[in-house]
Protein backbone atom coordinates (compact mmCIF):
# COMPACT_ATOMS: atom_id res chain seq x y z
CA UNK A 1 -39.65 69.61 36.54
CA UNK A 2 -37.23 67.16 34.83
CA UNK A 3 -37.23 63.43 35.66
CA UNK A 4 -34.22 62.07 37.55
CA UNK A 5 -31.70 60.09 35.49
CA UNK A 6 -29.99 58.16 38.28
CA UNK A 7 -29.86 54.35 37.93
CA UNK A 8 -32.41 52.43 39.93
CA UNK A 9 -34.97 55.21 40.04
CA UNK A 10 -38.29 54.26 38.46
CA UNK A 11 -38.85 55.95 35.13
CA UNK A 12 -35.21 56.88 34.77
CA UNK A 13 -33.79 57.22 31.29
CA UNK A 14 -30.43 55.38 30.92
CA UNK A 15 -27.53 57.60 30.05
CA UNK A 16 -25.98 57.18 26.65
CA UNK A 17 -22.72 55.23 26.54
CA UNK A 18 -20.13 57.11 24.55
CA UNK A 19 -19.16 55.13 21.41
CA UNK A 20 -15.99 55.23 19.39
CA UNK A 21 -15.17 58.40 17.65
CA UNK A 22 -15.90 58.69 13.98
CA UNK A 23 -13.03 57.38 11.87
CA UNK A 24 -11.52 55.11 14.54
CA UNK A 25 -11.35 51.28 14.49
CA UNK A 26 -12.81 49.47 17.51
CA UNK A 27 -10.42 47.32 19.50
CA UNK A 28 -11.30 43.63 18.86
CA UNK A 29 -8.45 42.11 20.85
CA UNK A 30 -6.38 41.10 17.81
CA UNK A 31 -2.73 41.95 17.50
CA UNK A 32 -1.92 44.23 14.66
CA UNK A 33 0.90 43.17 12.35
CA UNK A 34 3.15 45.96 11.13
CA UNK A 35 3.28 46.39 7.37
CA UNK A 36 5.85 44.16 5.66
CA UNK A 37 6.00 41.61 8.51
CA UNK A 38 4.42 38.10 8.35
CA UNK A 39 1.98 37.17 11.12
CA UNK A 40 3.02 34.56 13.62
CA UNK A 41 0.68 31.59 13.25
CA UNK A 42 2.20 29.40 15.96
CA UNK A 43 2.46 26.26 13.77
CA UNK A 44 6.25 26.01 13.72
CA UNK A 45 6.12 22.78 15.69
CA UNK A 46 4.11 21.15 12.90
CA UNK A 47 6.82 21.91 10.40
CA UNK A 48 9.42 20.62 12.86
CA UNK A 49 7.53 17.34 13.23
CA UNK A 50 7.23 17.02 9.45
CA UNK A 51 10.96 17.55 9.00
CA UNK A 52 11.71 15.04 11.77
CA UNK A 53 9.43 12.43 10.16
CA UNK A 54 11.05 13.03 6.77
CA UNK A 55 14.54 12.57 8.20
CA UNK A 56 13.40 9.43 10.04
CA UNK A 57 11.98 7.96 6.81
CA UNK A 58 14.91 8.88 4.57
CA UNK A 59 17.71 7.77 6.89
CA UNK A 60 17.45 4.03 5.99
CA UNK A 61 17.35 4.90 2.29
CA UNK A 62 20.44 7.07 2.64
CA UNK A 63 22.26 4.34 4.56
CA UNK A 64 21.42 1.66 1.96
CA UNK A 65 22.43 3.96 -0.88
CA UNK A 66 25.70 4.81 0.85
CA UNK A 67 26.50 1.13 1.50
CA UNK A 68 25.65 0.15 -2.09
CA UNK A 69 28.00 2.79 -3.51
CA UNK A 70 30.77 2.11 -1.00
CA UNK A 71 33.65 0.35 -2.81
CA UNK A 72 34.64 -1.51 0.37
CA UNK A 73 31.33 -3.38 0.33
CA UNK A 74 31.38 -4.55 3.95
CA UNK A 75 29.16 -3.89 6.92
CA UNK A 76 32.02 -2.55 9.01
CA UNK A 77 32.84 0.17 6.49
CA UNK A 78 29.22 1.27 5.92
CA UNK A 79 28.23 4.76 7.08
CA UNK A 80 25.25 7.08 6.51
CA UNK A 81 27.44 9.62 4.72
CA UNK A 82 29.21 8.13 1.66
CA UNK A 83 32.94 8.74 1.56
CA UNK A 84 33.54 7.24 -1.90
CA UNK A 85 31.43 6.25 -4.88
CA UNK A 86 31.78 3.08 -6.94
CA UNK A 87 29.55 0.61 -8.78
CA UNK A 88 31.68 -2.41 -7.87
CA UNK A 89 28.95 -3.88 -5.68
CA UNK A 90 26.49 -3.81 -8.57
CA UNK A 91 28.94 -5.38 -11.02
CA UNK A 92 29.93 -8.06 -8.51
CA UNK A 93 26.28 -8.89 -7.86
CA UNK A 94 25.42 -9.17 -11.55
CA UNK A 95 28.50 -11.26 -12.38
CA UNK A 96 28.21 -13.62 -9.41
CA UNK A 97 27.71 -17.29 -10.24
CA UNK A 98 26.88 -18.22 -6.67
CA UNK A 99 24.04 -15.72 -6.34
CA UNK A 100 21.96 -15.57 -9.58
CA UNK A 101 20.44 -12.15 -9.02
CA UNK A 102 18.64 -11.87 -12.36
CA UNK A 103 17.05 -15.29 -11.93
CA UNK A 104 15.67 -14.13 -8.59
CA UNK A 105 14.45 -10.92 -10.18
CA UNK A 106 12.71 -12.81 -12.98
CA UNK A 107 11.06 -15.23 -10.55
CA UNK A 108 9.72 -12.35 -8.47
CA UNK A 109 8.33 -10.65 -11.57
CA UNK A 110 6.58 -13.84 -12.67
CA UNK A 111 5.09 -14.57 -9.26
CA UNK A 112 4.11 -10.98 -8.44
CA UNK A 113 2.86 -10.17 -11.96
CA UNK A 114 0.73 -13.28 -12.52
CA UNK A 115 -0.38 -13.35 -8.90
CA UNK A 116 -1.58 -9.75 -9.12
CA UNK A 117 -3.58 -10.39 -12.30
CA UNK A 118 -5.28 -13.51 -10.94
CA UNK A 119 -5.92 -12.03 -7.51
CA UNK A 120 -7.59 -8.97 -8.99
CA UNK A 121 -9.73 -11.14 -11.27
CA UNK A 122 -10.77 -13.55 -8.50
CA UNK A 123 -11.52 -10.70 -6.12
CA UNK A 124 -13.52 -8.77 -8.73
CA UNK A 125 -15.58 -11.84 -9.67
CA UNK A 126 -16.35 -12.60 -6.03
CA UNK A 127 -17.19 -8.96 -5.26
CA UNK A 128 -19.54 -8.83 -8.27
CA UNK A 129 -21.37 -11.91 -7.01
CA UNK A 130 -21.70 -10.54 -3.47
CA UNK A 131 -22.73 -7.07 -4.63
CA UNK A 132 -25.00 -7.65 -7.64
CA UNK A 133 -26.42 -11.14 -7.29
CA UNK A 134 -28.89 -12.39 -4.71
CA UNK A 135 -28.35 -15.96 -3.55
CA UNK A 136 -28.69 -18.02 -0.40
CA UNK A 137 -25.66 -17.82 1.87
CA UNK A 138 -24.51 -14.45 0.57
CA UNK A 139 -24.30 -12.72 3.95
CA UNK A 140 -22.82 -15.73 5.82
CA UNK A 141 -20.22 -15.97 3.07
CA UNK A 142 -19.17 -12.37 3.59
CA UNK A 143 -18.95 -12.91 7.33
CA UNK A 144 -16.89 -16.07 6.81
CA UNK A 145 -14.42 -14.15 4.67
CA UNK A 146 -14.14 -11.50 7.35
CA UNK A 147 -13.65 -14.03 10.16
CA UNK A 148 -11.02 -15.94 8.19
CA UNK A 149 -8.82 -12.84 8.16
CA UNK A 150 -8.63 -12.87 11.97
CA UNK A 151 -6.58 -16.08 12.11
CA UNK A 152 -2.81 -15.79 11.59
CA UNK A 153 -1.62 -17.15 8.27
CA UNK A 154 1.28 -18.88 10.03
CA UNK A 155 -1.15 -21.50 11.32
CA UNK A 156 -1.63 -22.84 7.80
CA UNK A 157 2.06 -23.06 6.85
CA UNK A 158 2.72 -26.60 8.15
CA UNK A 159 -0.41 -27.91 6.45
CA UNK A 160 0.46 -26.19 3.17
CA UNK A 161 3.99 -27.58 3.27
CA UNK A 162 2.82 -31.16 3.78
CA UNK A 163 0.05 -30.78 1.21
CA UNK A 164 2.28 -29.57 -1.59
CA UNK A 165 4.95 -32.08 -0.63
CA UNK A 166 2.45 -34.84 -1.42
CA UNK A 167 1.12 -33.04 -4.50
CA UNK A 168 4.66 -32.92 -5.89
CA UNK A 169 4.74 -36.71 -5.94
CA UNK A 170 1.75 -36.75 -8.31
CA UNK A 171 2.13 -33.43 -10.16
CA UNK A 172 5.76 -32.29 -9.91
CA UNK A 173 5.04 -29.07 -11.86
CA UNK A 174 2.94 -27.62 -9.02
CA UNK A 175 4.54 -29.30 -6.05
CA UNK A 176 7.01 -28.09 -3.49
CA UNK A 177 10.01 -26.08 -4.73
CA UNK A 178 8.18 -24.75 -7.80
CA UNK A 179 7.03 -21.25 -8.70
CA UNK A 180 3.64 -22.51 -9.87
CA UNK A 181 2.99 -24.22 -6.56
CA UNK A 182 3.87 -21.03 -4.70
CA UNK A 183 1.58 -19.09 -7.04
CA UNK A 184 -1.32 -21.44 -6.27
CA UNK A 185 -0.83 -20.82 -2.56
CA UNK A 186 -0.92 -17.08 -3.13
CA UNK A 187 -4.11 -17.39 -5.16
CA UNK A 188 -5.70 -19.34 -2.32
CA UNK A 189 -5.50 -16.20 -0.21
CA UNK A 190 -6.74 -13.88 -2.94
CA UNK A 191 -10.14 -13.43 -1.33
CA UNK A 192 -10.70 -11.73 1.99
CA UNK A 193 -9.90 -8.08 2.46
CA UNK A 194 -9.80 -7.54 -1.31
CA UNK A 195 -13.37 -8.75 -1.69
CA UNK A 196 -14.63 -6.33 0.97
CA UNK A 197 -12.74 -3.44 -0.61
CA UNK A 198 -14.02 -4.29 -4.08
CA UNK A 199 -17.59 -4.88 -2.90
CA UNK A 200 -17.71 -1.44 -1.30
CA UNK A 201 -16.84 0.12 -4.64
CA UNK A 202 -19.19 -2.16 -6.61
CA UNK A 203 -22.08 -1.00 -4.40
CA UNK A 204 -21.54 2.59 -5.57
CA UNK A 205 -22.37 1.64 -9.17
CA UNK A 206 -26.12 2.18 -9.83
CA UNK A 207 -27.97 -1.09 -10.22
CA UNK A 208 -30.21 0.53 -12.84
CA UNK A 209 -27.37 0.07 -15.31
CA UNK A 210 -27.49 -3.69 -14.79
CA UNK A 211 -31.26 -3.73 -15.14
CA UNK A 212 -31.09 -1.77 -18.37
CA UNK A 213 -28.47 -4.16 -19.74
CA UNK A 214 -30.61 -7.17 -18.78
CA UNK A 215 -33.56 -5.69 -20.64
CA UNK A 216 -31.36 -5.55 -23.73
CA UNK A 217 -30.60 -9.25 -23.35
CA UNK A 218 -27.17 -9.07 -21.70
CA UNK A 219 -26.13 -11.92 -19.42
CA UNK A 220 -24.36 -11.58 -16.08
CA UNK A 221 -21.02 -12.46 -17.68
CA UNK A 222 -21.41 -9.83 -20.37
CA UNK A 223 -22.44 -7.18 -17.85
CA UNK A 224 -19.42 -8.05 -15.73
CA UNK A 225 -16.79 -8.05 -18.47
CA UNK A 226 -18.03 -5.31 -20.79
CA UNK A 227 -19.61 -2.80 -18.41
CA UNK A 228 -18.87 -3.28 -14.71
CA UNK A 229 -15.11 -3.80 -14.98
CA UNK A 230 -14.75 -0.55 -16.90
CA UNK A 231 -16.70 1.40 -14.29
CA UNK A 232 -14.66 0.04 -11.38
CA UNK A 233 -11.23 0.56 -12.96
CA UNK A 234 -9.93 2.77 -10.07
CA UNK A 235 -10.55 0.12 -7.42
CA UNK A 236 -9.07 -2.57 -9.65
CA UNK A 237 -5.90 -0.50 -9.92
CA UNK A 238 -5.90 -0.01 -6.16
CA UNK A 239 -6.21 -3.72 -5.41
CA UNK A 240 -3.63 -4.47 -8.09
CA UNK A 241 -1.09 -2.14 -6.49
CA UNK A 242 -1.65 -3.57 -3.03
CA UNK A 243 -1.45 -7.14 -4.31
CA UNK A 244 1.72 -6.51 -6.32
CA UNK A 245 3.54 -4.88 -3.42
CA UNK A 246 2.47 -7.65 -1.04
CA UNK A 247 3.57 -10.44 -3.40
CA UNK A 248 6.80 -8.69 -4.36
CA UNK A 249 7.94 -8.45 -0.76
CA UNK A 250 6.52 -11.75 0.53
CA UNK A 251 9.20 -13.75 2.32
CA UNK A 252 7.88 -16.42 4.70
CA UNK A 253 6.02 -18.66 2.27
CA UNK A 254 8.63 -18.19 -0.44
CA UNK A 255 11.43 -19.22 1.93
CA UNK A 256 9.51 -22.40 2.83
CA UNK A 257 8.45 -23.42 -0.67
CA UNK A 258 11.51 -22.48 -2.75
CA UNK A 259 14.62 -24.44 -1.81
CA UNK A 260 16.84 -24.32 -4.89
CA UNK A 261 19.06 -21.29 -5.44
CA UNK A 262 17.84 -20.74 -9.01
CA UNK A 263 14.16 -20.87 -8.08
CA UNK A 264 14.18 -18.40 -5.21
CA UNK A 265 12.43 -15.07 -5.32
CA UNK A 266 14.28 -11.80 -4.87
CA UNK A 267 13.62 -11.41 -1.16
CA UNK A 268 14.69 -14.96 -0.30
CA UNK A 269 17.72 -14.72 -2.59
CA UNK A 270 18.95 -11.48 -1.07
CA UNK A 271 18.51 -12.94 2.38
CA UNK A 272 20.82 -15.79 1.39
CA UNK A 273 23.58 -13.19 0.96
CA UNK A 274 23.36 -12.43 4.67
CA UNK A 275 23.36 -16.12 5.52
CA UNK A 276 26.52 -16.67 3.50
CA UNK A 277 28.53 -13.81 5.03
CA UNK A 278 26.77 -10.73 6.31
CA UNK A 279 29.91 -8.62 6.54
CA UNK A 280 31.45 -9.64 3.22
CA UNK A 281 28.36 -9.36 0.99
CA UNK A 282 26.66 -6.42 2.68
CA UNK A 283 27.46 -4.05 -0.20
CA UNK A 284 26.04 -6.52 -2.73
CA UNK A 285 22.97 -6.95 -0.54
CA UNK A 286 22.36 -3.19 -0.47
CA UNK A 287 22.87 -2.95 -4.23
CA UNK A 288 20.29 -5.68 -4.79
CA UNK A 289 17.90 -4.04 -2.32
CA UNK A 290 18.05 -0.77 -4.25
CA UNK A 291 17.21 -2.52 -7.51
CA UNK A 292 14.46 -4.54 -5.80
CA UNK A 293 12.78 -1.33 -4.64
CA UNK A 294 12.37 0.03 -8.17
CA UNK A 295 9.34 -2.02 -9.41
CA UNK A 296 7.04 -1.09 -6.48
CA UNK A 297 8.05 2.56 -6.77
CA UNK A 298 7.33 2.56 -10.50
CA UNK A 299 3.94 0.91 -9.94
CA UNK A 300 2.99 3.42 -7.24
CA UNK A 301 4.04 6.43 -9.30
CA UNK A 302 2.22 5.15 -12.37
CA UNK A 303 -1.09 4.36 -10.65
CA UNK A 304 -1.12 6.75 -7.69
CA UNK A 305 -4.17 8.66 -8.95
CA UNK A 306 -6.19 5.47 -9.28
CA UNK A 307 -4.98 4.36 -5.85
CA UNK A 308 -6.28 7.49 -4.12
CA UNK A 309 -9.56 7.48 -6.07
CA UNK A 310 -10.23 3.83 -5.40
CA UNK A 311 -9.62 4.07 -1.66
CA UNK A 312 -11.72 7.21 -1.16
CA UNK A 313 -14.65 6.44 -3.45
CA UNK A 314 -15.02 2.86 -2.26
CA UNK A 315 -15.00 3.77 1.44
CA UNK A 316 -18.62 4.93 1.48
CA UNK A 317 -21.74 3.86 -0.35
C-alpha cells in the first residue's frame, strides 16, 4: 500500500515543483533590451543638472567677453550675445594716461609673486617645526593658530592702518601707501590654514628618513632644505596656488593701504574705473578683467596635477 502524498499528512513526501524547461532562461524581473537599442539608465536629470551648472558658470564669462569686444564700450550697450567685435576697449585701456593699467598689473605681479614665495616658505618652516620637532608649547601653538582663524580679519584693519601710518614716519619704504608695507601685512597672515594643510602632508613622510639623516650627521636645516622640501613638493605647489590666487584677487587691504593711482594693484585700479564713470568705462573695465583673469588660469593649468595630489594625499595620515 503506497503512502499518501497530501500536504500535512505525517510521512508525506512533498511533490516535486516543476522547474524551467531545458534551454529556457529563468525570469529574473529585468527588462530585456532589444538588440541595437541602448538601455535606459534613468540618469538624464544628472546630465541636465550638469548642463545647467555649466551654463550658470559660463554666463558671466560670456557677458564680460561680449562687453569687452563691444565697440560701444558702455554698460547700456552690453549684452550677453555680442553684436559686433572690436579691440577698441583694449587699446583705449592700454593707451590711457589716467588709468595706468600696466602699472597696476606689474604691482599685482610683484605683490602676488613675492607674497606667494614667502608665504609658502614661512608655512613650510612652521609646519616642519610642528610636525618633526618636539618642543614645549607645540600643541597649544597649533590650537592658537586654529583659533586665530575664527576671528574676522576686518577687526584688524583699523589697527593695521594706524600702525603702518606711524611706521611710515620712521621707515617710509614700508609705511602706508607702499607695496612693501602691503606685502608685510600679507606675510603676517601667512600662517594659519596653510600650516595645518602643510603639517598634514608632512606627517605622511616617514620619520625614519629624518633619523637616518641625523645618523649621517645632517642638521635640522639640512634635512629641511635638501630632503623634506623635495618630498613635499605637491603640497607646496598646492599652497602656492591657493596663496597666489588669494593675493592676486585681494581687494580690501589693498584699497586701504594703496592710495596713489600708480601704486594700486590690479583689482583696486579696475575698481577705480567704475568709480570714475561706470557707464562710460565699462568696456575698458571688462577688457582689463579678462586680462586680469589670465595669470590665475595659467597657474591652475600648469600646476593642476600637483594641486589635486597635494589636497588628497595630505588629507589623511
